[in-house]
PDB file of N, CA and C in Angstrom:
ATOM      1  N   MET A   1     -82.731 -48.717  78.721  1.00  0.00           N
ATOM      2  CA  MET A   1     -81.443 -49.146  77.914  1.00  0.00           C
ATOM      3  C   MET A   1     -80.454 -48.419  78.882  1.00  0.00           C
ATOM      4  N   ARG A   2     -79.285 -49.006  78.843  1.00  0.00           N
ATOM      5  CA  ARG A   2     -78.086 -48.841  79.921  1.00  0.00           C
ATOM      6  C   ARG A   2     -77.298 -48.190  79.073  1.00  0.00           C
ATOM      7  N   GLU A   3     -76.582 -46.924  79.491  1.00  0.00           N
ATOM      8  CA  GLU A   3     -75.565 -46.245  79.065  1.00  0.00           C
ATOM      9  C   GLU A   3     -74.282 -46.969  79.506  1.00  0.00           C
ATOM     10  N   VAL A   4     -73.334 -47.004  78.715  1.00  0.00           N
ATOM     11  CA  VAL A   4     -71.807 -47.403  79.460  1.00  0.00           C
ATOM     12  C   VAL A   4     -70.660 -46.705  78.780  1.00  0.00           C
ATOM     13  N   ALA A   5     -70.046 -46.141  79.716  1.00  0.00           N
ATOM     14  CA  ALA A   5     -69.001 -45.190  79.422  1.00  0.00           C
ATOM     15  C   ALA A   5     -67.769 -45.962  78.848  1.00  0.00           C
ATOM     16  N   ILE A   6     -67.094 -45.347  77.736  1.00  0.00           N
ATOM     17  CA  ILE A   6     -65.856 -46.140  77.274  1.00  0.00           C
ATOM     18  C   ILE A   6     -64.879 -44.908  77.510  1.00  0.00           C
ATOM     19  N   GLY A   7     -63.334 -45.393  77.717  1.00  0.00           N
ATOM     20  CA  GLY A   7     -62.461 -44.610  78.075  1.00  0.00           C
ATOM     21  C   GLY A   7     -61.751 -43.745  76.823  1.00  0.00           C
ATOM     22  N   GLY A   8     -62.256 -44.379  75.693  1.00  0.00           N
ATOM     23  CA  GLY A   8     -61.772 -43.398  74.473  1.00  0.00           C
ATOM     24  C   GLY A   8     -63.023 -43.370  73.526  1.00  0.00           C
ATOM     25  N   ASP A   9     -62.417 -43.234  72.170  1.00  0.00           N
ATOM     26  CA  ASP A   9     -63.655 -42.902  71.010  1.00  0.00           C
ATOM     27  C   ASP A   9     -64.102 -44.307  70.554  1.00  0.00           C
ATOM     28  N   MET A  10     -63.539 -45.264  71.035  1.00  0.00           N
ATOM     29  CA  MET A  10     -63.699 -46.624  70.088  1.00  0.00           C
ATOM     30  C   MET A  10     -63.545 -47.841  71.237  1.00  0.00           C
ATOM     31  N   ILE A  11     -64.034 -48.964  71.138  1.00  0.00           N
ATOM     32  CA  ILE A  11     -64.181 -50.094  71.659  1.00  0.00           C
ATOM     33  C   ILE A  11     -64.460 -51.479  70.875  1.00  0.00           C
ATOM     34  N   ARG A  12     -63.941 -52.486  71.088  1.00  0.00           N
ATOM     35  CA  ARG A  12     -64.427 -53.638  70.379  1.00  0.00           C
ATOM     36  C   ARG A  12     -65.624 -54.124  70.825  1.00  0.00           C
ATOM     37  N   LEU A  13     -66.327 -54.996  69.799  1.00  0.00           N
ATOM     38  CA  LEU A  13     -67.404 -55.366  70.167  1.00  0.00           C
ATOM     39  C   LEU A  13     -67.179 -56.348  71.504  1.00  0.00           C
ATOM     40  N   GLY A  14     -66.357 -57.402  71.344  1.00  0.00           N
ATOM     41  CA  GLY A  14     -66.263 -58.353  72.479  1.00  0.00           C
ATOM     42  C   GLY A  14     -65.940 -57.546  73.765  1.00  0.00           C
ATOM     43  N   GLN A  15     -64.860 -56.530  73.790  1.00  0.00           N
ATOM     44  CA  GLN A  15     -64.633 -55.923  74.918  1.00  0.00           C
ATOM     45  C   GLN A  15     -65.710 -55.163  75.407  1.00  0.00           C
ATOM     46  N   PHE A  16     -66.630 -54.717  74.830  1.00  0.00           N
ATOM     47  CA  PHE A  16     -67.695 -53.828  75.105  1.00  0.00           C
ATOM     48  C   PHE A  16     -68.860 -54.799  75.821  1.00  0.00           C
ATOM     49  N   LEU A  17     -69.032 -56.089  75.380  1.00  0.00           N
ATOM     50  CA  LEU A  17     -70.134 -56.868  75.883  1.00  0.00           C
ATOM     51  C   LEU A  17     -69.546 -57.174  77.372  1.00  0.00           C
ATOM     52  N   LYS A  18     -68.311 -57.335  77.439  1.00  0.00           N
ATOM     53  CA  LYS A  18     -68.024 -57.766  78.835  1.00  0.00           C
ATOM     54  C   LYS A  18     -68.003 -56.330  79.933  1.00  0.00           C
ATOM     55  N   LEU A  19     -67.592 -55.239  79.323  1.00  0.00           N
ATOM     56  CA  LEU A  19     -67.695 -53.889  80.095  1.00  0.00           C
ATOM     57  C   LEU A  19     -69.058 -53.738  80.358  1.00  0.00           C
ATOM     58  N   ALA A  20     -69.969 -54.043  79.536  1.00  0.00           N
ATOM     59  CA  ALA A  20     -71.411 -53.897  79.753  1.00  0.00           C
ATOM     60  C   ALA A  20     -71.994 -54.759  80.622  1.00  0.00           C
ATOM     61  N   ASP A  21     -71.367 -55.752  81.200  1.00  0.00           N
ATOM     62  CA  ASP A  21     -71.907 -56.992  81.847  1.00  0.00           C
ATOM     63  C   ASP A  21     -73.053 -57.796  81.205  1.00  0.00           C
ATOM     64  N   LEU A  22     -73.055 -57.758  79.703  1.00  0.00           N
ATOM     65  CA  LEU A  22     -73.832 -58.583  78.815  1.00  0.00           C
ATOM     66  C   LEU A  22     -73.431 -59.985  78.710  1.00  0.00           C
ATOM     67  N   VAL A  23     -72.237 -60.385  78.874  1.00  0.00           N
ATOM     68  CA  VAL A  23     -71.624 -61.595  79.228  1.00  0.00           C
ATOM     69  C   VAL A  23     -70.504 -61.725  80.095  1.00  0.00           C
ATOM     70  N   GLU A  24     -70.323 -62.837  80.797  1.00  0.00           N
ATOM     71  CA  GLU A  24     -69.296 -63.092  81.754  1.00  0.00           C
ATOM     72  C   GLU A  24     -68.063 -62.976  81.522  1.00  0.00           C
ATOM     73  N   SER A  25     -67.485 -63.542  80.278  1.00  0.00           N
ATOM     74  CA  SER A  25     -66.192 -63.902  79.664  1.00  0.00           C
ATOM     75  C   SER A  25     -66.062 -63.314  78.245  1.00  0.00           C
ATOM     76  N   GLY A  26     -64.751 -63.537  77.892  1.00  0.00           N
ATOM     77  CA  GLY A  26     -64.548 -63.021  76.719  1.00  0.00           C
ATOM     78  C   GLY A  26     -64.895 -64.445  75.699  1.00  0.00           C
ATOM     79  N   GLY A  27     -64.776 -65.501  76.141  1.00  0.00           N
ATOM     80  CA  GLY A  27     -65.142 -66.779  75.705  1.00  0.00           C
ATOM     81  C   GLY A  27     -66.642 -66.813  75.427  1.00  0.00           C
ATOM     82  N   ASP A  28     -67.251 -66.179  76.325  1.00  0.00           N
ATOM     83  CA  ASP A  28     -68.978 -66.130  76.170  1.00  0.00           C
ATOM     84  C   ASP A  28     -69.176 -65.347  75.181  1.00  0.00           C
ATOM     85  N   ALA A  29     -68.530 -63.860  75.055  1.00  0.00           N
ATOM     86  CA  ALA A  29     -68.680 -62.980  74.153  1.00  0.00           C
ATOM     87  C   ALA A  29     -68.252 -63.667  72.556  1.00  0.00           C
ATOM     88  N   LYS A  30     -67.168 -64.194  72.530  1.00  0.00           N
ATOM     89  CA  LYS A  30     -67.027 -65.052  71.088  1.00  0.00           C
ATOM     90  C   LYS A  30     -67.873 -65.961  70.593  1.00  0.00           C
ATOM     91  N   GLU A  31     -68.597 -66.757  71.746  1.00  0.00           N
ATOM     92  CA  GLU A  31     -69.365 -67.787  71.120  1.00  0.00           C
ATOM     93  C   GLU A  31     -70.970 -67.023  70.919  1.00  0.00           C
ATOM     94  N   ARG A  32     -71.397 -66.117  71.804  1.00  0.00           N
ATOM     95  CA  ARG A  32     -72.585 -65.433  71.466  1.00  0.00           C
ATOM     96  C   ARG A  32     -72.226 -64.701  70.103  1.00  0.00           C
ATOM     97  N   ILE A  33     -71.406 -64.024  69.872  1.00  0.00           N
ATOM     98  CA  ILE A  33     -71.345 -63.471  68.581  1.00  0.00           C
ATOM     99  C   ILE A  33     -71.261 -64.048  67.362  1.00  0.00           C
ATOM    100  N   LEU A  34     -70.606 -65.339  67.401  1.00  0.00           N
ATOM    101  CA  LEU A  34     -70.417 -66.100  66.272  1.00  0.00           C
ATOM    102  C   LEU A  34     -71.610 -66.835  65.945  1.00  0.00           C
ATOM    103  N   ALA A  35     -72.693 -67.067  67.382  1.00  0.00           N
ATOM    104  CA  ALA A  35     -73.762 -67.645  66.892  1.00  0.00           C
ATOM    105  C   ALA A  35     -75.111 -66.680  66.334  1.00  0.00           C
ATOM    106  N   GLY A  36     -74.650 -65.449  66.225  1.00  0.00           N
ATOM    107  CA  GLY A  36     -75.622 -64.682  65.504  1.00  0.00           C
ATOM    108  C   GLY A  36     -76.896 -63.847  66.834  1.00  0.00           C
ATOM    109  N   ASP A  37     -76.153 -64.125  68.323  1.00  0.00           N
ATOM    110  CA  ASP A  37     -77.250 -63.734  68.880  1.00  0.00           C
ATOM    111  C   ASP A  37     -77.027 -61.912  69.237  1.00  0.00           C
ATOM    112  N   VAL A  38     -75.911 -61.656  68.850  1.00  0.00           N
ATOM    113  CA  VAL A  38     -75.589 -59.926  69.250  1.00  0.00           C
ATOM    114  C   VAL A  38     -76.112 -59.024  68.206  1.00  0.00           C
ATOM    115  N   ARG A  39     -76.946 -58.031  68.533  1.00  0.00           N
ATOM    116  CA  ARG A  39     -77.144 -56.967  67.329  1.00  0.00           C
ATOM    117  C   ARG A  39     -76.560 -55.841  67.838  1.00  0.00           C
ATOM    118  N   VAL A  40     -76.046 -54.973  66.529  1.00  0.00           N
ATOM    119  CA  VAL A  40     -75.460 -53.703  66.825  1.00  0.00           C
ATOM    120  C   VAL A  40     -76.273 -52.747  66.085  1.00  0.00           C
ATOM    121  N   ASN A  41     -76.854 -51.979  66.522  1.00  0.00           N
ATOM    122  CA  ASN A  41     -77.760 -50.713  65.955  1.00  0.00           C
ATOM    123  C   ASN A  41     -78.868 -51.505  65.166  1.00  0.00           C
ATOM    124  N   ASP A  42     -79.479 -52.864  65.755  1.00  0.00           N
ATOM    125  CA  ASP A  42     -80.462 -53.466  65.304  1.00  0.00           C
ATOM    126  C   ASP A  42     -80.174 -54.617  64.099  1.00  0.00           C
ATOM    127  N   GLU A  43     -78.796 -54.652  63.895  1.00  0.00           N
ATOM    128  CA  GLU A  43     -78.496 -55.379  62.724  1.00  0.00           C
ATOM    129  C   GLU A  43     -77.399 -56.374  63.459  1.00  0.00           C
ATOM    130  N   VAL A  44     -77.390 -57.678  62.943  1.00  0.00           N
ATOM    131  CA  VAL A  44     -76.931 -58.770  63.542  1.00  0.00           C
ATOM    132  C   VAL A  44     -75.206 -58.662  63.114  1.00  0.00           C
ATOM    133  N   ASP A  45     -74.461 -58.757  64.092  1.00  0.00           N
ATOM    134  CA  ASP A  45     -73.081 -58.601  63.647  1.00  0.00           C
ATOM    135  C   ASP A  45     -72.223 -59.688  64.197  1.00  0.00           C
ATOM    136  N   GLU A  46     -71.385 -60.659  63.375  1.00  0.00           N
ATOM    137  CA  GLU A  46     -70.838 -61.723  63.962  1.00  0.00           C
ATOM    138  C   GLU A  46     -69.232 -61.207  64.130  1.00  0.00           C
ATOM    139  N   ARG A  47     -68.784 -60.299  63.960  1.00  0.00           N
ATOM    140  CA  ARG A  47     -67.339 -59.863  63.829  1.00  0.00           C
ATOM    141  C   ARG A  47     -66.907 -59.343  65.350  1.00  0.00           C
ATOM    142  N   ARG A  48     -65.985 -59.970  66.270  1.00  0.00           N
ATOM    143  CA  ARG A  48     -65.967 -59.817  67.417  1.00  0.00           C
ATOM    144  C   ARG A  48     -64.937 -58.341  67.525  1.00  0.00           C
ATOM    145  N   GLY A  49     -64.297 -58.257  66.738  1.00  0.00           N
ATOM    146  CA  GLY A  49     -63.489 -56.969  66.484  1.00  0.00           C
ATOM    147  C   GLY A  49     -64.272 -55.658  66.096  1.00  0.00           C
ATOM    148  N   ARG A  50     -65.547 -55.638  65.786  1.00  0.00           N
ATOM    149  CA  ARG A  50     -66.395 -54.629  65.370  1.00  0.00           C
ATOM    150  C   ARG A  50     -66.045 -53.459  66.261  1.00  0.00           C
ATOM    151  N   GLN A  51     -65.582 -52.362  65.486  1.00  0.00           N
ATOM    152  CA  GLN A  51     -65.263 -51.010  66.128  1.00  0.00           C
ATOM    153  C   GLN A  51     -66.829 -50.289  66.585  1.00  0.00           C
ATOM    154  N   LEU A  52     -66.870 -50.264  67.983  1.00  0.00           N
ATOM    155  CA  LEU A  52     -68.028 -49.378  68.428  1.00  0.00           C
ATOM    156  C   LEU A  52     -67.707 -47.832  68.810  1.00  0.00           C
ATOM    157  N   HIS A  53     -68.478 -46.988  68.593  1.00  0.00           N
ATOM    158  CA  HIS A  53     -68.408 -45.804  68.560  1.00  0.00           C
ATOM    159  C   HIS A  53     -69.455 -45.063  69.444  1.00  0.00           C
ATOM    160  N   PRO A  54     -69.407 -44.105  70.331  1.00  0.00           N
ATOM    161  CA  PRO A  54     -70.363 -43.555  71.285  1.00  0.00           C
ATOM    162  C   PRO A  54     -71.741 -43.249  70.156  1.00  0.00           C
ATOM    163  N   GLY A  55     -72.669 -43.591  70.913  1.00  0.00           N
ATOM    164  CA  GLY A  55     -74.337 -43.788  69.863  1.00  0.00           C
ATOM    165  C   GLY A  55     -74.539 -44.983  69.483  1.00  0.00           C
ATOM    166  N   ASP A  56     -73.532 -46.008  69.344  1.00  0.00           N
ATOM    167  CA  ASP A  56     -73.874 -47.358  68.684  1.00  0.00           C
ATOM    168  C   ASP A  56     -74.701 -47.969  70.000  1.00  0.00           C
ATOM    169  N   VAL A  57     -75.745 -49.002  69.723  1.00  0.00           N
ATOM    170  CA  VAL A  57     -76.487 -49.691  70.576  1.00  0.00           C
ATOM    171  C   VAL A  57     -76.378 -51.147  70.466  1.00  0.00           C
ATOM    172  N   VAL A  58     -75.826 -51.952  71.521  1.00  0.00           N
ATOM    173  CA  VAL A  58     -75.613 -53.266  71.337  1.00  0.00           C
ATOM    174  C   VAL A  58     -76.657 -54.119  72.151  1.00  0.00           C
ATOM    175  N   THR A  59     -77.455 -55.102  71.539  1.00  0.00           N
ATOM    176  CA  THR A  59     -78.377 -55.850  72.154  1.00  0.00           C
ATOM    177  C   THR A  59     -78.145 -57.075  72.080  1.00  0.00           C
ATOM    178  N   LEU A  60     -78.528 -57.954  73.272  1.00  0.00           N
ATOM    179  CA  LEU A  60     -78.077 -59.440  73.574  1.00  0.00           C
ATOM    180  C   LEU A  60     -79.246 -60.094  74.610  1.00  0.00           C
ATOM    181  N   ASP A  61     -79.978 -61.037  73.992  1.00  0.00           N
ATOM    182  CA  ASP A  61     -80.951 -61.480  74.982  1.00  0.00           C
ATOM    183  C   ASP A  61     -82.124 -60.528  75.451  1.00  0.00           C
ATOM    184  N   GLY A  62     -82.309 -59.511  74.900  1.00  0.00           N
ATOM    185  CA  GLY A  62     -83.272 -58.250  75.323  1.00  0.00           C
ATOM    186  C   GLY A  62     -83.038 -57.431  76.013  1.00  0.00           C
ATOM    187  N   ARG A  63     -81.726 -57.393  76.333  1.00  0.00           N
ATOM    188  CA  ARG A  63     -81.076 -56.367  77.268  1.00  0.00           C
ATOM    189  C   ARG A  63     -80.203 -55.447  76.101  1.00  0.00           C
ATOM    190  N   ALA A  64     -80.214 -54.255  76.347  1.00  0.00           N
ATOM    191  CA  ALA A  64     -79.565 -53.355  75.228  1.00  0.00           C
ATOM    192  C   ALA A  64     -78.697 -52.367  76.192  1.00  0.00           C
ATOM    193  N   ALA A  65     -77.411 -51.976  75.538  1.00  0.00           N
ATOM    194  CA  ALA A  65     -76.309 -50.916  76.132  1.00  0.00           C
ATOM    195  C   ALA A  65     -75.898 -50.177  75.216  1.00  0.00           C
ATOM    196  N   LYS A  66     -76.068 -48.925  75.552  1.00  0.00           N
ATOM    197  CA  LYS A  66     -75.320 -47.703  74.504  1.00  0.00           C
ATOM    198  C   LYS A  66     -74.342 -47.362  74.937  1.00  0.00           C
ATOM    199  N   VAL A  67     -73.359 -47.283  73.762  1.00  0.00           N
ATOM    200  CA  VAL A  67     -71.941 -46.797  74.190  1.00  0.00           C
ATOM    201  C   VAL A  67     -72.032 -45.273  74.137  1.00  0.00           C
ATOM    202  N   VAL A  68     -71.301 -44.827  75.364  1.00  0.00           N
ATOM    203  CA  VAL A  68     -71.087 -43.121  75.272  1.00  0.00           C
ATOM    204  C   VAL A  68     -70.010 -43.011  75.816  1.00  0.00           C
ATOM    205  N   PHE A  69     -69.298 -41.726  75.794  1.00  0.00           N
ATOM    206  CA  PHE A  69     -67.969 -41.278  76.528  1.00  0.00           C
ATOM    207  C   PHE A  69     -68.116 -41.369  77.845  1.00  0.00           C
TER     208      PHE A  69
END
């Protein structure tokens, strides 16, 4: 699992997918989230604006990234 540092105490799911290099663009993030392909803490989440905090784990296509400070 890859750890990805964020600049503050929160980041939105769509932004994190790009920051963690799990998708190439915001459009890709939106499509994958709405398709139910993204899991947050092992649960499907279809909210692009979902707030992530340190400790949250995002999974897409078998690749996982953990939010850290």
